[in-house]
Amino acid sequence: MGNINLRPDICEQLHEIFKMKVAVMSDLEKICALVIDGMALKKSLNYDSLNDEIEGIEDFGSLGRTQLFATEALVVMVRGIVFTWKQRLAYYPSSGPTKTHMLETVLKDIIISVRELGLIPKVLIWDQVQTIKRWSTNWGSIGTSHIF
């Protein structure tokens, strides 16, 4: 794990390693909860020499970076429901509450990633009730397939 380059967004290296683990899981082991949580961050800038970039600013990985200080982070993980296991999937430092359109894009990317892993998501655990209410009309499906 020490050689994995953990950066904002879905970590492809972790994704591939976890995919091998999921491949040998039973269907009961694959049943999981998608957990999204926000946390406060102190304003701080650090230089990441490995990636030659500044950490501590708003960064949504493939969706873009800004020059604003990160004061919050959105952390996404999956947890087994029937069996006890958990895995971090992604994190996104932001300059405040993540904007609705960005959250929607992030969530769709995460759900697609979880499905590609072969997991069986049954529930979303998230304390952002107002955001969920706003999206409720669009959450039934992504394309032609249901989210859960």
C-alpha atoms as a PDB file:
ATOM      1  CA  MET A   1       0.000   0.000   0.000  1.00  0.00           C
ATOM      2  CA  GLY A   2       2.948   2.322   0.550  1.00  0.00           C
ATOM      3  CA  ASN A   3       3.489   2.615  -3.212  1.00  0.00           C
ATOM      4  CA  ILE A   4      -0.057   3.695  -4.042  1.00  0.00           C
ATOM      5  CA  ASN A   5      -0.405   7.314  -5.135  1.00  0.00           C
ATOM      6  CA  LEU A   6      -3.496   8.483  -3.213  1.00  0.00           C
ATOM      7  CA  ARG A   7      -4.945  11.609  -4.783  1.00  0.00           C
ATOM      8  CA  PRO A   8      -8.389  13.201  -4.932  1.00  0.00           C
ATOM      9  CA  ASP A   9     -10.913  11.259  -7.040  1.00  0.00           C
ATOM     10  CA  ILE A  10     -11.302   7.502  -7.462  1.00  0.00           C
ATOM     11  CA  CYS A  11      -7.891   5.870  -7.020  1.00  0.00           C
ATOM     12  CA  GLU A  12      -7.407   3.580 -10.027  1.00  0.00           C
ATOM     13  CA  GLN A  13      -4.623   1.611  -8.313  1.00  0.00           C
ATOM     14  CA  LEU A  14      -6.847   0.828  -5.320  1.00  0.00           C
ATOM     15  CA  HIS A  15      -9.752   0.117  -7.670  1.00  0.00           C
ATOM     16  CA  GLU A  16      -7.778  -2.593  -9.494  1.00  0.00           C
ATOM     17  CA  ILE A  17      -6.464  -4.171  -6.279  1.00  0.00           C
ATOM     18  CA  PHE A  18      -9.934  -4.183  -4.711  1.00  0.00           C
ATOM     19  CA  LYS A  19     -11.437  -5.607  -7.919  1.00  0.00           C
ATOM     20  CA  MET A  20      -9.233  -8.704  -7.488  1.00  0.00           C
ATOM     21  CA  LYS A  21     -10.468  -9.073  -3.898  1.00  0.00           C
ATOM     22  CA  VAL A  22     -14.114  -8.701  -4.943  1.00  0.00           C
ATOM     23  CA  ALA A  23     -13.651 -11.324  -7.683  1.00  0.00           C
ATOM     24  CA  VAL A  24     -13.229 -14.035  -5.033  1.00  0.00           C
ATOM     25  CA  MET A  25     -16.067 -12.806  -2.771  1.00  0.00           C
ATOM     26  CA  SER A  26     -19.362 -14.663  -2.524  1.00  0.00           C
ATOM     27  CA  ASP A  27     -22.541 -12.821  -3.542  1.00  0.00           C
ATOM     28  CA  LEU A  28     -23.383 -12.301   0.147  1.00  0.00           C
ATOM     29  CA  GLU A  29     -19.962 -10.758   0.769  1.00  0.00           C
ATOM     30  CA  LYS A  30     -20.502  -8.338  -2.135  1.00  0.00           C
ATOM     31  CA  ILE A  31     -23.658  -6.789  -0.633  1.00  0.00           C
ATOM     32  CA  CYS A  32     -22.610  -3.358   0.576  1.00  0.00           C
ATOM     33  CA  ALA A  33     -23.530   0.140   1.662  1.00  0.00           C
ATOM     34  CA  LEU A  34     -22.190   3.203  -0.098  1.00  0.00           C
ATOM     35  CA  VAL A  35     -21.163   5.679   2.613  1.00  0.00           C
ATOM     36  CA  ILE A  36     -20.535   9.364   1.914  1.00  0.00           C
ATOM     37  CA  ASP A  37     -19.390  11.721   4.637  1.00  0.00           C
ATOM     38  CA  GLY A  38     -18.070  15.237   4.835  1.00  0.00           C
ATOM     39  CA  MET A  39     -15.366  16.439   7.174  1.00  0.00           C
ATOM     40  CA  ALA A  40     -13.877  19.803   8.054  1.00  0.00           C
ATOM     41  CA  LEU A  41     -10.291  20.614   7.049  1.00  0.00           C
ATOM     42  CA  LYS A  42      -7.887  23.236   8.340  1.00  0.00           C
ATOM     43  CA  LYS A  43      -6.663  25.632   5.687  1.00  0.00           C
ATOM     44  CA  SER A  44      -3.179  24.439   4.833  1.00  0.00           C
ATOM     45  CA  LEU A  45      -1.002  24.266   1.743  1.00  0.00           C
ATOM     46  CA  ASN A  46       1.568  21.518   1.189  1.00  0.00           C
ATOM     47  CA  TYR A  47       3.774  20.675  -1.749  1.00  0.00           C
ATOM     48  CA  ASP A  48       3.386  17.144  -3.158  1.00  0.00           C
ATOM     49  CA  SER A  49       6.762  16.486  -4.788  1.00  0.00           C
ATOM     50  CA  LEU A  50       5.649  13.130  -6.243  1.00  0.00           C
ATOM     51  CA  ASN A  51       2.930  14.797  -8.324  1.00  0.00           C
ATOM     52  CA  ASP A  52       4.559  18.256  -8.476  1.00  0.00           C
ATOM     53  CA  GLU A  53       1.473  20.050  -7.219  1.00  0.00           C
ATOM     54  CA  ILE A  54       0.102  21.960  -4.259  1.00  0.00           C
ATOM     55  CA  GLU A  55      -2.237  20.130  -1.865  1.00  0.00           C
ATOM     56  CA  GLY A  56      -4.809  21.957   0.232  1.00  0.00           C
ATOM     57  CA  ILE A  57      -6.897  23.456  -2.549  1.00  0.00           C
ATOM     58  CA  GLU A  58     -10.233  22.400  -3.971  1.00  0.00           C
ATOM     59  CA  ASP A  59      -9.617  19.327  -6.138  1.00  0.00           C
ATOM     60  CA  PHE A  60     -12.164  17.070  -7.813  1.00  0.00           C
ATOM     61  CA  GLY A  61      -9.571  14.991  -9.654  1.00  0.00           C
ATOM     62  CA  SER A  62     -10.607  14.420 -13.255  1.00  0.00           C
ATOM     63  CA  LEU A  63     -13.392  16.992 -12.811  1.00  0.00           C
ATOM     64  CA  GLY A  64     -10.924  19.808 -12.122  1.00  0.00           C
ATOM     65  CA  ARG A  65      -9.119  21.912  -9.513  1.00  0.00           C
ATOM     66  CA  THR A  66      -9.503  25.504  -8.391  1.00  0.00           C
ATOM     67  CA  GLN A  67      -7.201  27.861  -6.519  1.00  0.00           C
ATOM     68  CA  LEU A  68      -9.535  28.066  -3.508  1.00  0.00           C
ATOM     69  CA  PHE A  69      -8.426  26.760  -0.099  1.00  0.00           C
ATOM     70  CA  ALA A  70      -9.983  23.404   0.800  1.00  0.00           C
ATOM     71  CA  THR A  71     -11.982  23.707   4.017  1.00  0.00           C
ATOM     72  CA  GLU A  72     -13.994  20.501   3.679  1.00  0.00           C
ATOM     73  CA  ALA A  73     -13.545  17.043   2.192  1.00  0.00           C
ATOM     74  CA  LEU A  74     -16.092  14.632   0.804  1.00  0.00           C
ATOM     75  CA  VAL A  75     -15.043  11.051   1.598  1.00  0.00           C
ATOM     76  CA  VAL A  76     -16.613   8.026  -0.103  1.00  0.00           C
ATOM     77  CA  MET A  77     -16.310   4.422   1.015  1.00  0.00           C
ATOM     78  CA  VAL A  78     -18.107   1.081   0.773  1.00  0.00           C
ATOM     79  CA  ARG A  79     -18.842  -1.219   3.704  1.00  0.00           C
ATOM     80  CA  GLY A  80     -20.007  -4.801   3.714  1.00  0.00           C
ATOM     81  CA  ILE A  81     -23.534  -5.265   5.049  1.00  0.00           C
ATOM     82  CA  VAL A  82     -23.571  -9.025   5.675  1.00  0.00           C
ATOM     83  CA  PHE A  83     -19.803  -9.406   6.196  1.00  0.00           C
ATOM     84  CA  THR A  84     -17.497  -6.961   7.971  1.00  0.00           C
ATOM     85  CA  TRP A  85     -15.221  -5.157   5.526  1.00  0.00           C
ATOM     86  CA  LYS A  86     -14.733  -1.589   4.338  1.00  0.00           C
ATOM     87  CA  GLN A  87     -12.788   0.194   1.624  1.00  0.00           C
ATOM     88  CA  ARG A  88     -12.167   3.856   0.848  1.00  0.00           C
ATOM     89  CA  LEU A  89     -13.070   4.657  -2.753  1.00  0.00           C
ATOM     90  CA  ALA A  90     -12.437   8.377  -3.167  1.00  0.00           C
ATOM     91  CA  TYR A  91     -12.072  11.752  -1.516  1.00  0.00           C
ATOM     92  CA  TYR A  92     -12.592  15.275  -2.769  1.00  0.00           C
ATOM     93  CA  PRO A  93     -11.271  18.376  -0.937  1.00  0.00           C
ATOM     94  CA  SER A  94     -13.539  21.375  -1.513  1.00  0.00           C
ATOM     95  CA  SER A  95     -13.717  25.048  -0.607  1.00  0.00           C
ATOM     96  CA  GLY A  96     -17.023  24.616   1.225  1.00  0.00           C
ATOM     97  CA  PRO A  97     -20.089  22.473   0.712  1.00  0.00           C
ATOM     98  CA  THR A  98     -19.730  20.700  -2.623  1.00  0.00           C
ATOM     99  CA  LYS A  99     -21.989  22.179  -5.289  1.00  0.00           C
ATOM    100  CA  THR A 100     -25.035  20.123  -6.272  1.00  0.00           C
ATOM    101  CA  HIS A 101     -24.007  19.581  -9.898  1.00  0.00           C
ATOM    102  CA  MET A 102     -20.551  18.414  -8.801  1.00  0.00           C
ATOM    103  CA  LEU A 103     -22.018  16.073  -6.182  1.00  0.00           C
ATOM    104  CA  GLU A 104     -24.296  14.531  -8.779  1.00  0.00           C
ATOM    105  CA  THR A 105     -21.384  13.894 -11.151  1.00  0.00           C
ATOM    106  CA  VAL A 106     -19.205  12.485  -8.359  1.00  0.00           C
ATOM    107  CA  LEU A 107     -21.988  10.206  -7.128  1.00  0.00           C
ATOM    108  CA  LYS A 108     -22.689   8.833 -10.604  1.00  0.00           C
ATOM    109  CA  ASP A 109     -18.962   8.156 -11.127  1.00  0.00           C
ATOM    110  CA  ILE A 110     -18.763   6.389  -7.760  1.00  0.00           C
ATOM    111  CA  ILE A 111     -21.810   4.210  -8.431  1.00  0.00           C
ATOM    112  CA  ILE A 112     -20.430   3.212 -11.824  1.00  0.00           C
ATOM    113  CA  SER A 113     -17.102   2.383 -10.150  1.00  0.00           C
ATOM    114  CA  VAL A 114     -18.818   0.276  -7.468  1.00  0.00           C
ATOM    115  CA  ARG A 115     -20.684  -1.671 -10.136  1.00  0.00           C
ATOM    116  CA  GLU A 116     -17.502  -2.197 -12.181  1.00  0.00           C
ATOM    117  CA  LEU A 117     -15.945  -3.689  -9.054  1.00  0.00           C
ATOM    118  CA  GLY A 118     -18.734  -6.263  -9.007  1.00  0.00           C
ATOM    119  CA  LEU A 119     -20.172  -5.117  -5.688  1.00  0.00           C
ATOM    120  CA  ILE A 120     -23.894  -5.134  -4.926  1.00  0.00           C
ATOM    121  CA  PRO A 121     -24.820  -1.745  -3.398  1.00  0.00           C
ATOM    122  CA  LYS A 122     -28.102  -1.870  -1.480  1.00  0.00           C
ATOM    123  CA  VAL A 123     -28.133   1.361   0.484  1.00  0.00           C
ATOM    124  CA  LEU A 124     -26.708   4.879   0.430  1.00  0.00           C
ATOM    125  CA  ILE A 125     -25.712   6.318   3.810  1.00  0.00           C
ATOM    126  CA  TRP A 126     -25.307  10.081   3.693  1.00  0.00           C
ATOM    127  CA  ASP A 127     -26.270  12.896   6.027  1.00  0.00           C
ATOM    128  CA  GLN A 128     -27.021  15.451   3.287  1.00  0.00           C
ATOM    129  CA  VAL A 129     -30.820  15.149   3.452  1.00  0.00           C
ATOM    130  CA  GLN A 130     -31.577  18.363   1.537  1.00  0.00           C
ATOM    131  CA  THR A 131     -29.309  17.356  -1.344  1.00  0.00           C
ATOM    132  CA  ILE A 132     -30.931  13.930  -1.536  1.00  0.00           C
ATOM    133  CA  LYS A 133     -34.392  15.529  -1.633  1.00  0.00           C
ATOM    134  CA  ARG A 134     -33.339  17.802  -4.530  1.00  0.00           C
ATOM    135  CA  TRP A 135     -32.051  14.855  -6.508  1.00  0.00           C
ATOM    136  CA  SER A 136     -34.839  12.411  -5.690  1.00  0.00           C
ATOM    137  CA  THR A 137     -36.485  12.767  -9.103  1.00  0.00           C
ATOM    138  CA  ASN A 138     -33.234  11.930 -10.933  1.00  0.00           C
ATOM    139  CA  TRP A 139     -31.912   9.187  -8.667  1.00  0.00           C
ATOM    140  CA  GLY A 140     -34.000   6.311  -9.933  1.00  0.00           C
ATOM    141  CA  SER A 141     -31.534   5.378 -12.629  1.00  0.00           C
ATOM    142  CA  ILE A 142     -28.340   6.120 -14.460  1.00  0.00           C
ATOM    143  CA  GLY A 143     -29.105   5.636 -18.117  1.00  0.00           C
ATOM    144  CA  THR A 144     -31.333   2.575 -18.332  1.00  0.00           C
ATOM    145  CA  SER A 145     -30.125   0.798 -15.190  1.00  0.00           C
ATOM    146  CA  HIS A 146     -31.203   1.411 -11.610  1.00  0.00           C
ATOM    147  CA  ILE A 147     -28.667   2.718  -9.111  1.00  0.00           C
ATOM    148  CA  PHE A 148     -29.613   0.282  -6.344  1.00  0.00           C
END
